């Protein structure tokens, strides 16, 4: 899991992979998430107190790195959560 924190006063939108339907490749493989579908996640600004979002590793995109380099968000890897 990745914890994303909005460090701006206003809300931001991030493009992430959609959860969509899961499909099974074979009987022994775990279900995989479709990689092409995307969706937008809205994260409120600092004043709301709800400016932290937990994102699954499978939904991570390079747009999140771009937002961090631009100074909109902070991200850190969180372990121990299911």
N, C-alpha and C. Protein backbone atom coordinates (compact mmCIF):
# COMPACT_ATOMS: atom_id res chain seq x y z
N UNK A 1 0.84 -1.17 0.00
CA UNK A 1 0.00 0.00 0.00
C UNK A 1 0.89 1.24 0.00
N UNK A 2 0.38 2.27 -0.63
CA UNK A 2 1.07 3.54 -0.71
C UNK A 2 0.18 4.60 -0.09
N UNK A 3 0.73 5.36 0.85
CA UNK A 3 0.00 6.45 1.48
C UNK A 3 0.32 7.73 0.73
N UNK A 4 -0.72 8.36 0.17
CA UNK A 4 -0.56 9.60 -0.58
C UNK A 4 -1.17 10.73 0.23
N UNK A 5 -0.39 11.78 0.46
CA UNK A 5 -0.83 12.93 1.24
C UNK A 5 -0.82 14.17 0.36
N UNK A 6 -1.96 14.85 0.30
CA UNK A 6 -2.06 16.11 -0.43
C UNK A 6 -1.47 17.21 0.44
N UNK A 7 -0.46 17.92 -0.06
CA UNK A 7 0.18 18.97 0.74
C UNK A 7 -0.18 20.37 0.26
N UNK A 8 -1.19 20.47 -0.60
CA UNK A 8 -1.66 21.77 -1.07
C UNK A 8 -2.94 22.16 -0.35
N UNK A 9 -3.34 23.41 -0.47
CA UNK A 9 -4.58 23.87 0.16
C UNK A 9 -5.82 23.43 -0.60
N UNK A 10 -5.69 23.25 -1.90
CA UNK A 10 -6.83 22.87 -2.73
C UNK A 10 -6.86 21.38 -3.02
N UNK A 11 -7.98 20.88 -3.50
CA UNK A 11 -8.08 19.46 -3.85
C UNK A 11 -7.27 19.14 -5.11
N UNK A 12 -6.86 17.89 -5.24
CA UNK A 12 -6.15 17.44 -6.44
C UNK A 12 -6.82 16.18 -6.98
N UNK A 13 -6.57 15.91 -8.24
CA UNK A 13 -7.06 14.69 -8.88
C UNK A 13 -5.86 13.90 -9.37
N UNK A 14 -5.85 12.60 -9.08
CA UNK A 14 -4.78 11.72 -9.54
C UNK A 14 -5.36 10.64 -10.43
N UNK A 15 -4.65 10.31 -11.50
CA UNK A 15 -5.08 9.23 -12.39
C UNK A 15 -4.46 7.93 -11.88
N UNK A 16 -5.32 6.94 -11.60
CA UNK A 16 -4.87 5.64 -11.11
C UNK A 16 -5.53 4.55 -11.95
N UNK A 17 -5.01 3.34 -11.83
CA UNK A 17 -5.61 2.21 -12.53
C UNK A 17 -6.92 1.85 -11.85
N UNK A 18 -7.91 1.48 -12.64
CA UNK A 18 -9.22 1.14 -12.13
C UNK A 18 -9.21 -0.26 -11.55
N UNK A 19 -10.04 -0.49 -10.54
CA UNK A 19 -10.15 -1.83 -9.98
C UNK A 19 -10.84 -2.78 -10.95
N UNK A 20 -11.86 -2.32 -11.64
CA UNK A 20 -12.51 -3.10 -12.68
C UNK A 20 -12.82 -4.53 -12.28
N UNK A 21 -13.10 -5.36 -13.26
CA UNK A 21 -13.34 -6.78 -13.02
C UNK A 21 -12.02 -7.52 -12.98
N UNK A 22 -11.97 -8.52 -12.12
CA UNK A 22 -10.77 -9.35 -12.05
C UNK A 22 -10.95 -10.55 -12.97
N UNK A 23 -9.86 -11.01 -13.56
CA UNK A 23 -9.95 -12.16 -14.45
C UNK A 23 -8.90 -13.18 -14.05
N UNK A 24 -9.19 -14.43 -14.31
CA UNK A 24 -8.29 -15.50 -13.92
C UNK A 24 -7.56 -16.01 -15.16
N UNK A 25 -6.22 -16.06 -15.10
CA UNK A 25 -5.43 -16.51 -16.23
C UNK A 25 -5.37 -18.04 -16.29
N UNK A 26 -5.17 -18.67 -15.17
CA UNK A 26 -5.24 -20.12 -15.10
C UNK A 26 -5.62 -20.51 -13.68
N UNK A 27 -5.82 -21.79 -13.44
CA UNK A 27 -6.33 -22.23 -12.15
C UNK A 27 -5.36 -21.96 -11.01
N UNK A 28 -4.06 -21.98 -11.28
CA UNK A 28 -3.06 -21.81 -10.22
C UNK A 28 -2.67 -20.36 -9.99
N UNK A 29 -3.00 -19.47 -10.91
CA UNK A 29 -2.60 -18.06 -10.79
C UNK A 29 -3.62 -17.28 -9.97
N UNK A 30 -3.13 -16.24 -9.31
CA UNK A 30 -4.03 -15.35 -8.58
C UNK A 30 -4.74 -14.44 -9.57
N UNK A 31 -5.86 -13.88 -9.15
CA UNK A 31 -6.59 -12.95 -10.03
C UNK A 31 -5.77 -11.70 -10.26
N UNK A 32 -5.76 -11.22 -11.47
CA UNK A 32 -5.00 -10.03 -11.85
C UNK A 32 -5.97 -8.91 -12.21
N UNK A 33 -5.55 -7.68 -11.99
CA UNK A 33 -6.37 -6.52 -12.32
C UNK A 33 -6.05 -6.09 -13.75
N UNK A 34 -7.07 -5.76 -14.52
CA UNK A 34 -6.85 -5.26 -15.87
C UNK A 34 -6.01 -3.99 -15.81
N UNK A 35 -5.03 -3.88 -16.68
CA UNK A 35 -4.09 -2.78 -16.60
C UNK A 35 -4.46 -1.55 -17.42
N UNK A 36 -5.39 -1.64 -18.36
CA UNK A 36 -5.64 -0.53 -19.27
C UNK A 36 -6.69 0.45 -18.75
N UNK A 37 -7.60 0.01 -17.91
CA UNK A 37 -8.67 0.88 -17.43
C UNK A 37 -8.12 1.83 -16.37
N UNK A 38 -8.51 3.12 -16.47
CA UNK A 38 -8.05 4.11 -15.49
C UNK A 38 -9.24 4.85 -14.90
N UNK A 39 -9.02 5.46 -13.77
CA UNK A 39 -10.03 6.28 -13.12
C UNK A 39 -9.32 7.44 -12.41
N UNK A 40 -10.09 8.36 -11.89
CA UNK A 40 -9.54 9.54 -11.21
C UNK A 40 -9.91 9.47 -9.73
N UNK A 41 -8.93 9.76 -8.88
CA UNK A 41 -9.15 9.81 -7.43
C UNK A 41 -9.02 11.27 -7.00
N UNK A 42 -10.02 11.77 -6.29
CA UNK A 42 -10.00 13.13 -5.76
C UNK A 42 -9.52 13.09 -4.32
N UNK A 43 -8.50 13.89 -4.01
CA UNK A 43 -7.98 13.98 -2.65
C UNK A 43 -8.17 15.41 -2.17
N UNK A 44 -8.92 15.62 -1.08
CA UNK A 44 -9.17 16.98 -0.58
C UNK A 44 -7.90 17.67 -0.12
N UNK A 45 -7.97 18.98 0.08
CA UNK A 45 -6.83 19.77 0.52
C UNK A 45 -6.56 19.63 2.01
N UNK A 46 -5.54 20.35 2.48
CA UNK A 46 -5.08 20.24 3.87
C UNK A 46 -6.17 20.61 4.87
N UNK A 47 -6.96 21.63 4.62
CA UNK A 47 -7.93 22.13 5.59
C UNK A 47 -9.03 21.15 5.96
N UNK A 48 -9.31 20.16 5.12
CA UNK A 48 -10.40 19.24 5.39
C UNK A 48 -10.05 18.19 6.43
N UNK A 49 -8.77 17.93 6.64
CA UNK A 49 -8.35 16.90 7.59
C UNK A 49 -8.44 15.50 7.03
N UNK A 50 -8.86 15.35 5.79
CA UNK A 50 -8.98 14.04 5.15
C UNK A 50 -8.09 13.99 3.91
N UNK A 51 -6.90 14.55 4.02
CA UNK A 51 -6.04 14.69 2.86
C UNK A 51 -5.08 13.52 2.67
N UNK A 52 -5.38 12.36 3.26
CA UNK A 52 -4.55 11.17 3.12
C UNK A 52 -5.35 10.09 2.42
N UNK A 53 -4.73 9.43 1.43
CA UNK A 53 -5.40 8.38 0.65
C UNK A 53 -4.48 7.17 0.60
N UNK A 54 -5.03 5.98 0.88
CA UNK A 54 -4.26 4.74 0.78
C UNK A 54 -4.55 4.08 -0.56
N UNK A 55 -3.51 3.81 -1.32
CA UNK A 55 -3.62 3.26 -2.67
C UNK A 55 -2.94 1.90 -2.73
N UNK A 56 -3.62 0.94 -3.34
CA UNK A 56 -3.05 -0.39 -3.52
C UNK A 56 -1.90 -0.32 -4.53
N UNK A 57 -0.91 -1.18 -4.38
CA UNK A 57 0.26 -1.17 -5.26
C UNK A 57 -0.11 -1.43 -6.71
N UNK A 58 -1.14 -2.23 -6.96
CA UNK A 58 -1.53 -2.58 -8.33
C UNK A 58 -2.12 -1.40 -9.08
N UNK A 59 -2.58 -0.38 -8.38
CA UNK A 59 -3.25 0.77 -9.00
C UNK A 59 -2.30 1.94 -9.25
N UNK A 60 -1.03 1.78 -8.95
CA UNK A 60 -0.03 2.84 -9.06
C UNK A 60 0.25 3.19 -10.53
N UNK A 61 0.38 4.48 -10.84
CA UNK A 61 0.73 4.93 -12.19
C UNK A 61 1.87 5.94 -12.12
N UNK A 62 2.45 6.25 -13.27
CA UNK A 62 3.55 7.22 -13.30
C UNK A 62 3.05 8.65 -13.08
N UNK A 63 1.76 8.89 -13.20
CA UNK A 63 1.20 10.22 -12.93
C UNK A 63 1.39 10.61 -11.47
N UNK A 64 1.44 9.63 -10.59
CA UNK A 64 1.64 9.90 -9.17
C UNK A 64 3.05 10.44 -8.95
N UNK A 65 4.04 9.87 -9.64
CA UNK A 65 5.41 10.39 -9.55
C UNK A 65 5.50 11.82 -10.05
N UNK A 66 4.79 12.11 -11.14
CA UNK A 66 4.79 13.47 -11.70
C UNK A 66 4.21 14.47 -10.71
N UNK A 67 3.12 14.08 -10.03
CA UNK A 67 2.49 14.97 -9.05
C UNK A 67 3.42 15.22 -7.86
N UNK A 68 4.20 14.21 -7.48
CA UNK A 68 5.14 14.39 -6.38
C UNK A 68 6.29 15.32 -6.79
N UNK A 69 6.80 15.16 -8.00
CA UNK A 69 7.88 16.02 -8.48
C UNK A 69 7.42 17.48 -8.62
N UNK A 70 6.13 17.68 -8.93
CA UNK A 70 5.58 19.03 -9.06
C UNK A 70 5.31 19.66 -7.70
N UNK A 71 5.35 18.88 -6.61
CA UNK A 71 5.17 19.43 -5.27
C UNK A 71 3.74 19.42 -4.77
N UNK A 72 2.87 18.62 -5.39
CA UNK A 72 1.47 18.57 -4.95
C UNK A 72 1.23 17.55 -3.84
N UNK A 73 1.97 16.44 -3.86
CA UNK A 73 1.73 15.35 -2.91
C UNK A 73 3.03 14.85 -2.31
N UNK A 74 2.89 14.09 -1.21
CA UNK A 74 3.97 13.28 -0.65
C UNK A 74 3.48 11.84 -0.68
N UNK A 75 4.38 10.91 -0.93
CA UNK A 75 3.99 9.51 -0.90
C UNK A 75 5.00 8.71 -0.09
N UNK A 76 4.50 7.66 0.56
CA UNK A 76 5.39 6.76 1.28
C UNK A 76 4.80 5.36 1.25
N UNK A 77 5.66 4.38 1.32
CA UNK A 77 5.26 2.98 1.30
C UNK A 77 4.81 2.58 2.69
N UNK A 78 3.64 1.95 2.79
CA UNK A 78 3.09 1.50 4.06
C UNK A 78 3.07 -0.02 4.04
N UNK A 79 3.62 -0.64 5.07
CA UNK A 79 3.61 -2.09 5.17
C UNK A 79 2.78 -2.51 6.37
N UNK A 80 2.32 -3.73 6.35
CA UNK A 80 1.57 -4.26 7.48
C UNK A 80 0.07 -4.06 7.38
N UNK A 81 -0.44 -3.46 6.31
CA UNK A 81 -1.88 -3.28 6.12
C UNK A 81 -2.38 -4.27 5.09
N UNK A 82 -3.63 -4.69 5.25
CA UNK A 82 -4.23 -5.60 4.27
C UNK A 82 -5.33 -4.90 3.54
